[in-house]
Each structure stands twice: as structure tokens, then as C-alpha cells.
Protein backbone atom coordinates (compact mmCIF):
# COMPACT_ATOMS: atom_id res chain seq x y z
CA UNK A 1 21.56 -28.14 -17.42
CA UNK A 2 19.83 -25.21 -15.70
CA UNK A 3 21.66 -22.67 -13.54
CA UNK A 4 19.81 -20.16 -11.35
CA UNK A 5 21.71 -17.29 -9.73
CA UNK A 6 19.56 -15.65 -7.06
CA UNK A 7 20.45 -12.37 -5.39
CA UNK A 8 17.49 -10.45 -4.03
CA UNK A 9 19.17 -7.07 -4.34
CA UNK A 10 19.32 -7.46 -8.13
CA UNK A 11 16.78 -5.86 -10.40
CA UNK A 12 15.47 -8.62 -12.70
CA UNK A 13 16.13 -11.98 -14.30
CA UNK A 14 17.17 -12.74 -17.84
CA UNK A 15 17.16 -16.12 -19.52
CA UNK A 16 19.60 -17.10 -22.22
CA UNK A 17 20.96 -20.11 -24.09
CA UNK A 18 24.63 -20.92 -24.62
CA UNK A 19 26.09 -23.23 -27.28
CA UNK A 20 28.67 -24.55 -24.79
CA UNK A 21 29.93 -28.08 -24.19
CA UNK A 22 30.41 -28.35 -20.43
CA UNK A 23 29.34 -26.77 -17.17
CA UNK A 24 32.66 -24.98 -16.69
CA UNK A 25 32.13 -22.97 -19.83
CA UNK A 26 28.62 -22.02 -18.66
CA UNK A 27 30.00 -20.81 -15.35
CA UNK A 28 32.72 -18.79 -17.08
CA UNK A 29 30.41 -17.22 -19.66
CA UNK A 30 27.25 -16.88 -17.56
CA UNK A 31 27.44 -13.09 -17.69
CA UNK A 32 28.70 -12.86 -21.26
CA UNK A 33 27.16 -10.75 -24.00
CA UNK A 34 26.75 -13.51 -26.63
CA UNK A 35 23.74 -15.17 -24.99
CA UNK A 36 20.62 -15.85 -27.03
CA UNK A 37 17.31 -15.20 -25.26
CA UNK A 38 14.95 -18.16 -25.30
CA UNK A 39 11.78 -17.42 -23.35
CA UNK A 40 10.18 -14.72 -21.27
CA UNK A 41 8.43 -11.38 -21.71
CA UNK A 42 9.52 -8.81 -24.23
CA UNK A 43 10.28 -6.10 -21.69
CA UNK A 44 12.66 -8.48 -19.92
CA UNK A 45 14.50 -10.36 -22.66
CA UNK A 46 13.27 -8.67 -25.87
CA UNK A 47 11.28 -11.69 -27.04
CA UNK A 48 7.85 -11.15 -28.58
CA UNK A 49 6.48 -14.66 -28.17
CA UNK A 50 6.16 -16.06 -24.68
CA UNK A 51 7.37 -19.64 -23.97
CA UNK A 52 9.48 -19.76 -27.15
CA UNK A 53 12.21 -22.40 -26.74
CA UNK A 54 15.57 -22.10 -28.49
CA UNK A 55 17.34 -24.98 -30.22
CA UNK A 56 20.47 -24.39 -28.14
CA UNK A 57 21.47 -27.50 -26.14
CA UNK A 58 22.15 -25.80 -22.78
CA UNK A 59 19.95 -23.34 -20.92
CA UNK A 60 21.26 -20.92 -18.31
CA UNK A 61 19.14 -18.60 -16.19
CA UNK A 62 21.15 -15.62 -15.02
CA UNK A 63 20.67 -12.17 -13.56
CA UNK A 64 20.93 -9.01 -15.55
CA UNK A 65 23.53 -6.96 -13.65
CA UNK A 66 23.12 -3.24 -14.35
CA UNK A 67 25.28 -0.63 -12.72
CA UNK A 68 24.56 -0.82 -9.00
CA UNK A 69 24.06 2.60 -7.44
CA UNK A 70 26.11 2.89 -4.26
CA UNK A 71 23.62 5.23 -2.56
CA UNK A 72 19.89 5.74 -2.82
CA UNK A 73 17.52 8.51 -1.74
CA UNK A 74 15.01 7.67 0.96
CA UNK A 75 11.86 9.67 1.60
CA UNK A 76 10.65 9.21 5.15
CA UNK A 77 8.02 10.97 7.26
CA UNK A 78 8.15 11.51 11.01
CA UNK A 79 4.92 12.23 12.89
CA UNK A 80 4.78 13.99 16.25
CA UNK A 81 1.97 15.24 18.45
CA UNK A 82 1.86 19.02 18.80
CA UNK A 83 1.40 20.82 22.11
CA UNK A 84 -0.03 24.22 21.14
CA UNK A 85 -1.38 26.88 23.47
CA UNK A 86 -4.89 28.31 23.21
CA UNK A 87 -4.10 30.99 20.63
CA UNK A 88 -2.14 28.59 18.44
CA UNK A 89 -4.93 26.03 18.63
CA UNK A 90 -7.47 28.59 17.41
CA UNK A 91 -5.14 29.68 14.59
CA UNK A 92 -4.60 26.09 13.42
CA UNK A 93 -8.34 25.52 13.25
CA UNK A 94 -8.73 28.77 11.31
CA UNK A 95 -5.93 27.92 8.86
CA UNK A 96 -7.37 24.45 8.26
CA UNK A 97 -10.79 25.98 7.63
CA UNK A 98 -9.32 28.47 5.15
CA UNK A 99 -7.58 25.68 3.21
CA UNK A 100 -10.80 23.69 3.16
CA UNK A 101 -12.73 26.75 1.91
CA UNK A 102 -10.22 27.40 -0.90
CA UNK A 103 -10.30 23.74 -1.95
CA UNK A 104 -14.12 23.64 -2.10
CA UNK A 105 -14.34 27.00 -3.88
CA UNK A 106 -11.91 25.90 -6.58
CA UNK A 107 -13.63 22.55 -6.96
CA UNK A 108 -17.04 24.24 -7.34
CA UNK A 109 -15.60 26.60 -9.97
CA UNK A 110 -14.18 23.67 -11.91
CA UNK A 111 -17.48 21.79 -11.77
CA UNK A 112 -19.40 24.81 -13.10
CA UNK A 113 -16.80 25.23 -15.83
CA UNK A 114 -17.12 21.60 -16.92
CA UNK A 115 -20.91 21.77 -16.81
CA UNK A 116 -20.87 24.76 -19.17
CA UNK A 117 -18.35 23.21 -21.56
CA UNK A 118 -17.68 19.47 -21.66
CA UNK A 119 -14.41 20.04 -23.52
CA UNK A 120 -13.09 22.33 -20.79
CA UNK A 121 -11.46 19.45 -19.00
CA UNK A 122 -8.92 19.14 -21.78
CA UNK A 123 -7.58 22.65 -21.15
CA UNK A 124 -5.22 23.04 -18.21
CA UNK A 125 -5.81 25.87 -15.71
CA UNK A 126 -3.41 26.76 -12.89
CA UNK A 127 -5.77 27.08 -9.94
CA UNK A 128 -3.15 28.75 -7.74
CA UNK A 129 -3.42 31.87 -9.94
CA UNK A 130 -6.91 32.54 -8.57
CA UNK A 131 -5.68 32.95 -5.00
CA UNK A 132 -4.56 36.64 -5.35
CA UNK A 133 -7.92 37.48 -6.93
CA UNK A 134 -9.88 35.90 -4.10
CA UNK A 135 -7.81 37.78 -1.50
CA UNK A 136 -8.69 41.11 -3.16
CA UNK A 137 -12.41 40.35 -3.09
CA UNK A 138 -14.34 41.83 -0.19
CA UNK A 139 -16.14 38.61 0.73
CA UNK A 140 -12.95 36.56 0.93
CA UNK A 141 -10.47 39.17 2.15
CA UNK A 142 -10.07 37.17 5.37
CA UNK A 143 -7.90 34.70 3.45
CA UNK A 144 -5.01 37.17 3.90
CA UNK A 145 -4.75 36.10 7.55
CA UNK A 146 -3.85 32.52 6.56
CA UNK A 147 -0.43 31.38 5.29
CA UNK A 148 -0.27 31.89 1.54
CA UNK A 149 1.96 28.85 1.03
CA UNK A 150 -0.57 26.56 2.68
CA UNK A 151 -3.39 27.89 0.50
CA UNK A 152 -1.30 27.43 -2.63
CA UNK A 153 -0.43 23.88 -1.63
CA UNK A 154 -4.14 23.13 -1.21
CA UNK A 155 -4.85 24.25 -4.78
CA UNK A 156 -1.90 22.22 -6.03
CA UNK A 157 -3.36 19.18 -4.28
CA UNK A 158 -6.63 19.75 -6.16
CA UNK A 159 -4.76 20.00 -9.47
CA UNK A 160 -2.99 16.74 -8.67
CA UNK A 161 -6.34 15.14 -7.87
CA UNK A 162 -7.71 16.15 -11.28
CA UNK A 163 -4.65 14.79 -13.05
CA UNK A 164 -4.98 11.46 -11.23
CA UNK A 165 -8.69 11.31 -12.11
CA UNK A 166 -8.17 11.91 -15.83
CA UNK A 167 -5.30 9.41 -15.80
CA UNK A 168 -7.72 6.92 -14.16
CA UNK A 169 -5.53 6.53 -11.09
CA UNK A 170 -8.10 7.86 -8.61
CA UNK A 171 -11.71 8.93 -8.29
CA UNK A 172 -13.14 12.36 -8.94
CA UNK A 173 -12.19 14.98 -6.29
CA UNK A 174 -14.85 15.47 -3.62
CA UNK A 175 -15.71 18.38 -1.40
CA UNK A 176 -13.99 18.46 1.97
CA UNK A 177 -16.13 18.45 5.10
CA UNK A 178 -15.49 20.16 8.38
CA UNK A 179 -14.09 17.78 10.95
CA UNK A 180 -12.93 15.27 8.33
CA UNK A 181 -10.25 17.28 6.56
CA UNK A 182 -8.35 19.44 9.04
CA UNK A 183 -4.89 19.88 7.57
CA UNK A 184 -2.54 22.33 5.91
CA UNK A 185 1.05 22.13 4.65
CA UNK A 186 4.15 24.33 4.84
CA UNK A 187 6.60 23.78 1.94
CA UNK A 188 9.11 26.25 3.44
CA UNK A 189 9.56 28.82 6.20
CA UNK A 190 9.74 26.31 9.06
CA UNK A 191 12.56 25.94 11.61
CA UNK A 192 13.04 22.68 13.47
CA UNK A 193 14.71 22.80 16.89
CA UNK A 194 15.00 19.16 17.97
CA UNK A 195 17.17 19.91 21.00
CA UNK A 196 14.37 21.93 22.61
CA UNK A 197 11.48 19.88 21.10
CA UNK A 198 9.92 22.78 19.25
CA UNK A 199 9.28 23.93 15.67
CA UNK A 200 8.66 27.34 14.13
CA UNK A 201 5.78 27.58 11.67
CA UNK A 202 4.83 30.78 9.77
CA UNK A 203 2.00 32.76 11.42
CA UNK A 204 1.98 30.28 14.32
CA UNK A 205 5.36 30.89 15.90
CA UNK A 206 7.25 28.35 17.99
CA UNK A 207 5.19 25.29 18.92
CA UNK A 208 6.32 22.56 21.26
CA UNK A 209 5.85 18.91 20.34
CA UNK A 210 6.33 15.49 21.90
CA UNK A 211 9.79 14.53 20.67
CA UNK A 212 9.88 10.72 20.51
CA UNK A 213 12.77 10.17 18.05
CA UNK A 214 15.40 12.02 16.07
CA UNK A 215 14.55 13.40 12.65
CA UNK A 216 17.15 12.35 10.08
CA UNK A 217 17.67 13.94 6.69
CA UNK A 218 16.77 17.23 5.05
CA UNK A 219 13.27 18.47 5.86
CA UNK A 220 11.22 18.93 2.66
CA UNK A 221 7.82 20.00 4.04
CA UNK A 222 5.71 19.99 7.21
CA UNK A 223 2.03 19.00 7.26
CA UNK A 224 -0.16 19.93 10.24
CA UNK A 225 -3.31 17.84 10.69
CA UNK A 226 -6.04 17.51 13.29
CA UNK A 227 -7.44 14.11 14.18
CA UNK A 228 -9.60 12.87 17.06
CA UNK A 229 -9.33 16.15 18.95
CA UNK A 230 -5.50 16.29 18.75
CA UNK A 231 -3.09 18.00 16.38
CA UNK A 232 -0.09 16.36 14.77
CA UNK A 233 2.68 17.36 12.41
CA UNK A 234 4.22 15.13 9.75
CA UNK A 235 7.77 16.05 8.76
CA UNK A 236 8.81 14.64 5.38
CA UNK A 237 12.56 14.23 4.99
CA UNK A 238 14.97 13.14 2.28
CA UNK A 239 18.39 11.61 2.81
CA UNK A 240 20.92 9.44 1.04
CA UNK A 241 21.57 5.95 2.37
CA UNK A 242 23.70 3.06 1.21
CA UNK A 243 21.99 0.58 -1.07
CA UNK A 244 20.67 -2.03 1.37
CA UNK A 245 21.50 -5.73 1.09
CA UNK A 246 19.17 -7.97 3.06
CA UNK A 247 21.02 -10.12 5.62
CA UNK A 248 18.58 -13.00 5.16
CA UNK A 249 18.25 -15.32 2.17
CA UNK A 250 14.87 -16.86 2.96
CA UNK A 251 11.58 -16.44 1.10
CA UNK A 252 8.09 -16.78 2.52
CA UNK A 253 4.54 -16.79 1.19
CA UNK A 254 1.65 -15.15 3.05
CA UNK A 255 -2.04 -16.02 2.88
CA UNK A 256 -4.45 -13.42 4.26
CA UNK A 257 -7.58 -14.51 6.08
CA UNK A 258 -10.21 -13.77 8.73
CA UNK A 259 -9.75 -16.55 11.27
CA UNK A 260 -5.99 -16.13 10.84
CA UNK A 261 -4.85 -12.66 9.94
CA UNK A 262 -1.71 -13.80 8.10
CA UNK A 263 -0.49 -17.37 7.63
CA UNK A 264 3.13 -17.86 6.57
CA UNK A 265 4.39 -20.74 4.45
CA UNK A 266 6.71 -21.82 7.30
CA UNK A 267 3.56 -22.83 9.29
CA UNK A 268 3.63 -19.77 11.58
CA UNK A 269 0.72 -17.34 11.63
CA UNK A 270 -0.50 -14.08 13.15
CA UNK A 271 -3.78 -14.09 15.04
CA UNK A 272 -6.21 -11.28 14.19
CA UNK A 273 -6.33 -8.29 16.52
CA UNK A 274 -9.93 -7.24 15.75
CA UNK A 275 -9.52 -3.82 17.36
CA UNK A 276 -12.87 -2.59 16.06
CA UNK A 277 -14.74 -5.70 17.25
CA UNK A 278 -13.33 -5.23 20.75
CA UNK A 279 -14.56 -1.64 21.00
CA UNK A 280 -17.74 -2.04 18.94
CA UNK A 281 -20.15 -2.09 21.89
CA UNK A 282 -18.51 0.85 23.63
CA UNK A 283 -18.50 2.82 20.38
CA UNK A 284 -22.20 2.11 19.73
CA UNK A 285 -23.07 3.22 23.27
CA UNK A 286 -21.12 6.47 22.92
CA UNK A 287 -22.68 7.19 19.52
CA UNK A 288 -26.19 6.66 20.87
CA UNK A 289 -25.45 9.06 23.72
CA UNK A 290 -24.17 11.68 21.27
CA UNK A 291 -27.27 11.33 19.06
CA UNK A 292 -29.52 12.30 22.01
CA UNK A 293 -27.71 15.61 22.61
CA UNK A 294 -28.55 18.92 21.01
CA UNK A 295 -26.19 19.34 18.08
CA UNK A 296 -23.27 21.72 18.69
CA UNK A 297 -24.18 22.15 22.35
CA UNK A 298 -21.61 21.78 25.14
CA UNK A 299 -22.87 18.30 26.07
CA UNK A 300 -22.83 17.29 22.40
CA UNK A 301 -19.19 18.36 22.08
CA UNK A 302 -18.28 16.33 25.18
CA UNK A 303 -20.08 13.27 23.79
CA UNK A 304 -18.33 13.75 20.44
CA UNK A 305 -14.96 13.86 22.19
CA UNK A 306 -15.72 10.49 23.80
CA UNK A 307 -16.58 9.00 20.39
CA UNK A 308 -13.36 10.40 18.92
CA UNK A 309 -11.37 8.92 21.78
CA UNK A 310 -12.71 5.44 21.05
CA UNK A 311 -11.97 5.82 17.32
CA UNK A 312 -8.44 6.93 18.14
CA UNK A 313 -7.93 3.87 20.37
CA UNK A 314 -9.12 1.56 17.57
CA UNK A 315 -6.87 3.13 14.94
CA UNK A 316 -3.79 3.30 17.18
CA UNK A 317 -4.10 -0.35 18.17
CA UNK A 318 -4.47 -1.46 14.54
CA UNK A 319 -1.50 0.58 13.32
CA UNK A 320 0.69 -0.61 16.18
CA UNK A 321 -0.14 -4.26 15.45
CA UNK A 322 0.49 -3.90 11.71
CA UNK A 323 3.80 -2.12 12.21
CA UNK A 324 5.07 -4.79 14.58
CA UNK A 325 4.02 -7.64 12.26
CA UNK A 326 5.42 -6.09 9.08
CA UNK A 327 8.69 -5.13 10.77
CA UNK A 328 9.25 -8.69 11.95
CA UNK A 329 8.47 -10.20 8.55
CA UNK A 330 10.55 -7.70 6.56
CA UNK A 331 13.59 -8.18 8.80
CA UNK A 332 13.49 -12.00 8.75
CA UNK A 333 12.77 -12.66 5.06
CA UNK A 334 14.42 -11.29 1.94
CA UNK A 335 11.53 -12.13 -0.39
CA UNK A 336 7.86 -12.02 0.59
CA UNK A 337 5.13 -13.29 -1.74
CA UNK A 338 1.62 -12.06 -1.10
CA UNK A 339 -1.73 -12.32 -2.86
CA UNK A 340 -2.74 -9.42 -5.09
CA UNK A 341 -6.09 -8.89 -3.37
CA UNK A 342 -8.52 -6.21 -4.52
CA UNK A 343 -9.70 -5.18 -1.07
CA UNK A 344 -12.09 -2.51 -2.34
CA UNK A 345 -13.95 -5.03 -4.49
CA UNK A 346 -13.92 -7.71 -1.80
CA UNK A 347 -15.45 -5.35 0.79
CA UNK A 348 -18.11 -3.95 -1.51
CA UNK A 349 -21.67 -3.99 -0.19
CA UNK A 350 -24.01 -6.76 -1.35
CA UNK A 351 -27.22 -4.83 -0.69
CA UNK A 352 -27.90 -4.29 -4.39
CA UNK A 353 -30.74 -2.08 -5.57
CA UNK A 354 -34.52 -2.00 -5.19
CA UNK A 355 -34.95 -3.63 -8.59
CA UNK A 356 -32.25 -6.26 -7.94
CA UNK A 357 -31.79 -6.74 -4.19
CA UNK A 358 -28.74 -8.62 -3.01
CA UNK A 359 -28.53 -12.00 -1.29
CA UNK A 360 -27.02 -12.85 2.09
CA UNK A 361 -26.64 -9.15 2.81
CA UNK A 362 -26.20 -9.60 6.57
CA UNK A 363 -23.50 -12.26 6.20
CA UNK A 364 -21.66 -10.20 3.57
CA UNK A 365 -21.86 -7.14 5.81
CA UNK A 366 -20.17 -9.03 8.63
CA UNK A 367 -17.47 -10.28 6.26
CA UNK A 368 -16.84 -6.76 4.96
CA UNK A 369 -16.51 -5.47 8.52
CA UNK A 370 -13.95 -8.16 9.35
CA UNK A 371 -11.92 -7.50 6.18
CA UNK A 372 -11.75 -3.77 6.83
CA UNK A 373 -10.97 -4.36 10.50
CA UNK A 374 -7.89 -6.41 9.57
CA UNK A 375 -6.27 -3.71 7.43
CA UNK A 376 -5.09 -5.94 4.56
CA UNK A 377 -4.07 -3.13 2.21
CA UNK A 378 -2.17 -1.27 4.94
CA UNK A 379 -0.38 -4.52 5.75
CA UNK A 380 0.76 -4.86 2.14
CA UNK A 381 1.74 -1.19 1.88
CA UNK A 382 3.93 -1.38 4.97
CA UNK A 383 5.55 -4.60 3.77
CA UNK A 384 6.35 -2.98 0.43
CA UNK A 385 8.36 -0.03 1.70
CA UNK A 386 9.94 -1.84 4.67
CA UNK A 387 11.26 -4.60 2.44
CA UNK A 388 12.64 -1.97 0.05
CA UNK A 389 14.39 -0.23 2.95
CA UNK A 390 15.91 -3.52 4.12
CA UNK A 391 16.97 -4.65 0.64
CA UNK A 392 14.21 -7.21 0.21
CA UNK A 393 11.51 -7.69 -2.40
CA UNK A 394 7.72 -7.96 -2.34
CA UNK A 395 6.04 -10.03 -5.06
CA UNK A 396 2.27 -9.93 -5.60
CA UNK A 397 0.76 -12.98 -7.29
CA UNK A 398 -2.78 -13.66 -8.58
CA UNK A 399 -4.91 -15.16 -5.80
CA UNK A 400 -6.94 -17.47 -8.04
CA UNK A 401 -6.99 -21.14 -6.92
CA UNK A 402 -4.24 -20.66 -4.35
CA UNK A 403 -6.45 -22.32 -1.71
CA UNK A 404 -7.81 -25.05 -4.01
CA UNK A 405 -4.54 -26.37 -5.43
CA UNK A 406 -2.81 -29.31 -3.78
CA UNK A 407 0.87 -28.48 -3.16
CA UNK A 408 1.81 -32.17 -3.46
CA UNK A 409 0.08 -33.39 -6.64
CA UNK A 410 -1.03 -29.96 -8.01
CA UNK A 411 -4.63 -31.14 -8.39
CA UNK A 412 -7.07 -28.21 -8.60
CA UNK A 413 -10.64 -28.75 -7.44
CA UNK A 414 -13.28 -26.96 -5.40
CA UNK A 415 -13.79 -30.20 -3.46
CA UNK A 416 -10.29 -29.90 -2.02
CA UNK A 417 -11.54 -27.25 0.39
CA UNK A 418 -15.02 -28.11 1.58
CA UNK A 419 -14.63 -26.19 4.86
CA UNK A 420 -13.10 -22.84 5.60
CA UNK A 421 -10.20 -24.15 7.68
CA UNK A 422 -9.47 -27.65 6.39
CA UNK A 423 -7.85 -28.72 3.12
CA UNK A 424 -8.26 -32.31 1.93
CA UNK A 425 -7.03 -33.25 -1.53
CA UNK A 426 -9.44 -35.59 -3.30
CA UNK A 427 -6.64 -36.87 -5.53
CA UNK A 428 -3.73 -37.74 -3.20
CA UNK A 429 -5.37 -37.41 0.22
CA UNK A 430 -3.16 -34.58 1.55
CA UNK A 431 -4.76 -33.08 4.66
CA UNK A 432 -3.57 -29.73 5.99
CA UNK A 433 -4.75 -26.32 7.15
CA UNK A 434 -6.27 -24.44 4.23
CA UNK A 435 -4.48 -21.17 5.01
CA UNK A 436 -1.11 -22.93 5.17
CA UNK A 437 -1.77 -24.59 1.81
CA UNK A 438 -2.63 -21.18 0.36
CA UNK A 439 0.60 -19.68 1.71
CA UNK A 440 2.67 -22.50 0.19
CA UNK A 441 1.00 -22.02 -3.21
CA UNK A 442 1.55 -18.27 -2.98
CA UNK A 443 5.26 -18.87 -2.36
CA UNK A 444 5.50 -21.23 -5.34
CA UNK A 445 3.73 -18.72 -7.57
CA UNK A 446 6.16 -16.05 -6.40
CA UNK A 447 9.16 -18.22 -7.28
CA UNK A 448 7.65 -18.85 -10.71
CA UNK A 449 7.11 -15.16 -11.31
CA UNK A 450 10.64 -14.42 -10.19
CA UNK A 451 11.90 -16.97 -12.73
CA UNK A 452 10.02 -15.15 -15.53
CA UNK A 453 7.59 -18.01 -16.13
CA UNK A 454 3.86 -17.97 -15.51
CA UNK A 455 3.36 -21.21 -13.55
CA UNK A 456 0.65 -20.00 -11.21
CA UNK A 457 -2.12 -22.43 -10.25
CA UNK A 458 -4.61 -20.30 -12.17
CA UNK A 459 -2.79 -21.00 -15.44
CA UNK A 460 -2.19 -24.67 -14.75
CA UNK A 461 -5.84 -25.20 -13.81
CA UNK A 462 -6.74 -24.89 -17.49
CA UNK A 463 -5.59 -28.49 -18.04
CA UNK A 464 -2.81 -27.69 -20.49
CA UNK A 465 0.44 -29.61 -20.29
CA UNK A 466 3.37 -27.56 -18.98
CA UNK A 467 5.75 -26.42 -21.70
CA UNK A 468 9.47 -27.09 -21.72
CA UNK A 469 10.06 -23.50 -20.65
CA UNK A 470 7.70 -23.94 -17.71
CA UNK A 471 9.42 -27.14 -16.66
CA UNK A 472 12.81 -25.42 -16.83
CA UNK A 473 11.56 -22.55 -14.72
CA UNK A 474 10.14 -24.99 -12.16
CA UNK A 475 13.43 -26.76 -11.89
CA UNK A 476 15.26 -23.45 -11.52
CA UNK A 477 12.85 -22.16 -8.87
CA UNK A 478 13.21 -25.38 -6.90
CA UNK A 479 16.98 -24.94 -6.52
């Protein structure tokens, strides 16, 4: 007999065996301490060998119930558009330029240091200590006019970038360019006046902003950034909230695609917005007009503003669409299973090199443009934190063979999907939309992962017979 207790606000599953005689004893002792682990991963049930089956006659799958924290801390950012006057606008541009200069100067110093000594990267240097020295130098004495806290935060960001690079979590830090990195941060010294829709920032004074919603929690820092000719502030807050419990008990699988942006396992789907494709011709026309102007002239600045306006329209439409879709999904489903797609690798150019030129470069370029236009990674990122806020759970599963596996007979073959949109099983004759079949397989793989058993189609495609542990997990996930 197999018992599965599912509560999506719990932390993990454990699997144990009980030498009991009837179901009543299993129900009474299901959370006892004398259970013997039978299969699973070591970090979950302290078992070294995966798929190891115990000789106990009854198997019970139960939840590990640690101490539930009544409250949790939530970090949330609120973004507002600033409404500065002329003097404040000039000061913000100057402060952003000073932060960019300090970042590039420190990065150049680090590069020269590493070039002189390859082992220098193993010694830690606090870059913020150089800031007082640069302010005393005659060539860089103008840094005194900028907020010291913002300059220090910029150097701390560079130190964090180096740590992430050496930990292989990110790429090597790159120089910041004018017009692409216009931002600076205040860790303290600010005063927020929500009643009058204004905020006080050091060396800028009181600035009005477009107050669209109430800021909740304790303000931790304020980041000012310029984008598409406008200036915004992002207020990061921290507050304690009750541990959320999702009101829904449903689970859904999602298959990402081009013809259909997101197909759900309940047969519903979201059509693609294609915000870049809609504005592509207008953007190309505005960019051609800007290229014919004398650089940095008045007409060139006007043409650049038109290009920035189109880019802003594209980005705002995409973010609005993604937020609406992810909010709906996270509120209606307690568990969401999604493919673990490597978007950076999927959208990599196929041009190749001169020695080894790529094939189907034009077709791959169009596919890359469509993938990046959809915003797959942003969709997953928003689902992750919105489900956590609502008490749900996001499960990422391997995408291999999810669109080639028949959900009825579990036959895996490339011939099952001869076209992009249609799925036809060569074994049992099941005919269905290929994206829907992929979403169903993603949901099944998510249930299997939740039950601590690797029953994904990629594993079963090897031709091996399912073990007793796998069969038990299937039966538990089907309940």
C-alpha cells in the first residue's frame, strides 16, 4: 500500500517503510520517528544508493514536517518615474557619469594588476579604499561633488562581480558605456514622503515622482537609473509577512514555444505578443534616419530620442504581458512545472567562423529573434517569485524528449512529431497538438520529481525497465 500526503507549502518529501500490519497503523504512525528510508537521494533521506528497495512489506510516502515559521521576510522593489527639474536632471547625469568613471577606473586597475601578476586574483583587495585617494588627486578631484555613498556602492558592485566570476556564477566584469549604464544607488540618507509624492536624495534634494502605489515595508536602499530618456527610482523594501498557503490545490505543466508562447497541460494556451516584431519596421526606419545625422548634433539627438521611444514601447509591452500572464498562472495553480531551458544556449548565433562557417544561419537568426522576443527566462523568473509569494512551488524539469513521448503509451520516438504543431504516436495512434503533449509530459515529470523518483521521459527512453521504486512513485504521483 502506498500513501502520498501532498501539501504544497511543505518543504520536501521523505519516503519510509513501516513494518505494520494494516492501513490504520500506517495512518497513525505516518509521521513517526521509527521509519526506515527505502529509496531516494542522500540529501533527502540519507540513502547513498538511489532506487534501493527495502524488504519491509508496506511502503508509505510522507512529508518531512520541520518547524513551520509563522512569518517570513519579503524583499520587494517598487519602481516609480521621477519628475526632476532641470538642475536635478543635470546632477543625476553627472552622478551617473561619476559612478561609471569610478567603476571603469577600478576595473582597469584590476586588469593591469592581473596582467602583471597572474596570482594577484587570489588576493582580496577592498576597492572602496581607493576612493579617498582618487578624490585627493588633482585630475579626479571633481569626484567630491558626487555622493560618496553612491561611489562606494559602485565599487562594491565591482567587487561582487569579481566574486561571482571566480565562483563561476557570472562572466568577467566589463567596462560600462555611456548611455547604457546610467545608474547610482543610495544605501542611506533618503527620506520618502509618500503623502506628497516626493523623495529626498542626498545632493539632489526633494524630487517629485509619479506615485502609482503605496510602498510597504522598511526602505533598504534607493537606486536611480536612466532609461530611454527618462529617469526612474527603484525602492527596495523589506517586511515581514505571514507564511503564505496557496488557496488552490491544482498543478499544471507549461510548454514554451514560438507559435504558442505558453501551452498549459489543461489545454489552454497564451498566444505570443511579438512586441519586437510589431515595431520592427518602425524601429529600422528610425535607426536609418539616425544614422544619416551628424553624430551628437541636435538633429541626431532628436532622432536618437525617437529610437529610444520605440525601444521603450517594445519593452513596456513585453513586461506588461509577462506580468499579466504570470500573475494569472501563479494565482490559479499551486504547483507549476516548467522546462529547464537554457535560453542563452538556444539563442546562440549559428554563424560560426571563417574556417567553419555555420549552416542555415538565416533561419537560425530568425529563430533566435523569436526566442528573445518572447522573454522565456523573464517568464520563468516572474513565475518563481510570484509562486513563492502566493505559497506555491515552481519545479523545473529536463526538457529532453518531452515533445516526443506519447502520454498514453509512453513510446519515445522522433517519428511521433514529424511536424512542428502535430503529434502522432506511431505506436498507439494518439493524435494531439504537440505543445499540449509536451505540457502534459512536463507535468508528469514534475510529479515524478516531487515524489523523489527520476521518472522523466529522458530516463525512460533508455529502454530500461522501471524499477519497483519507480513504479511506487508513479502510483503515488497518480493519486
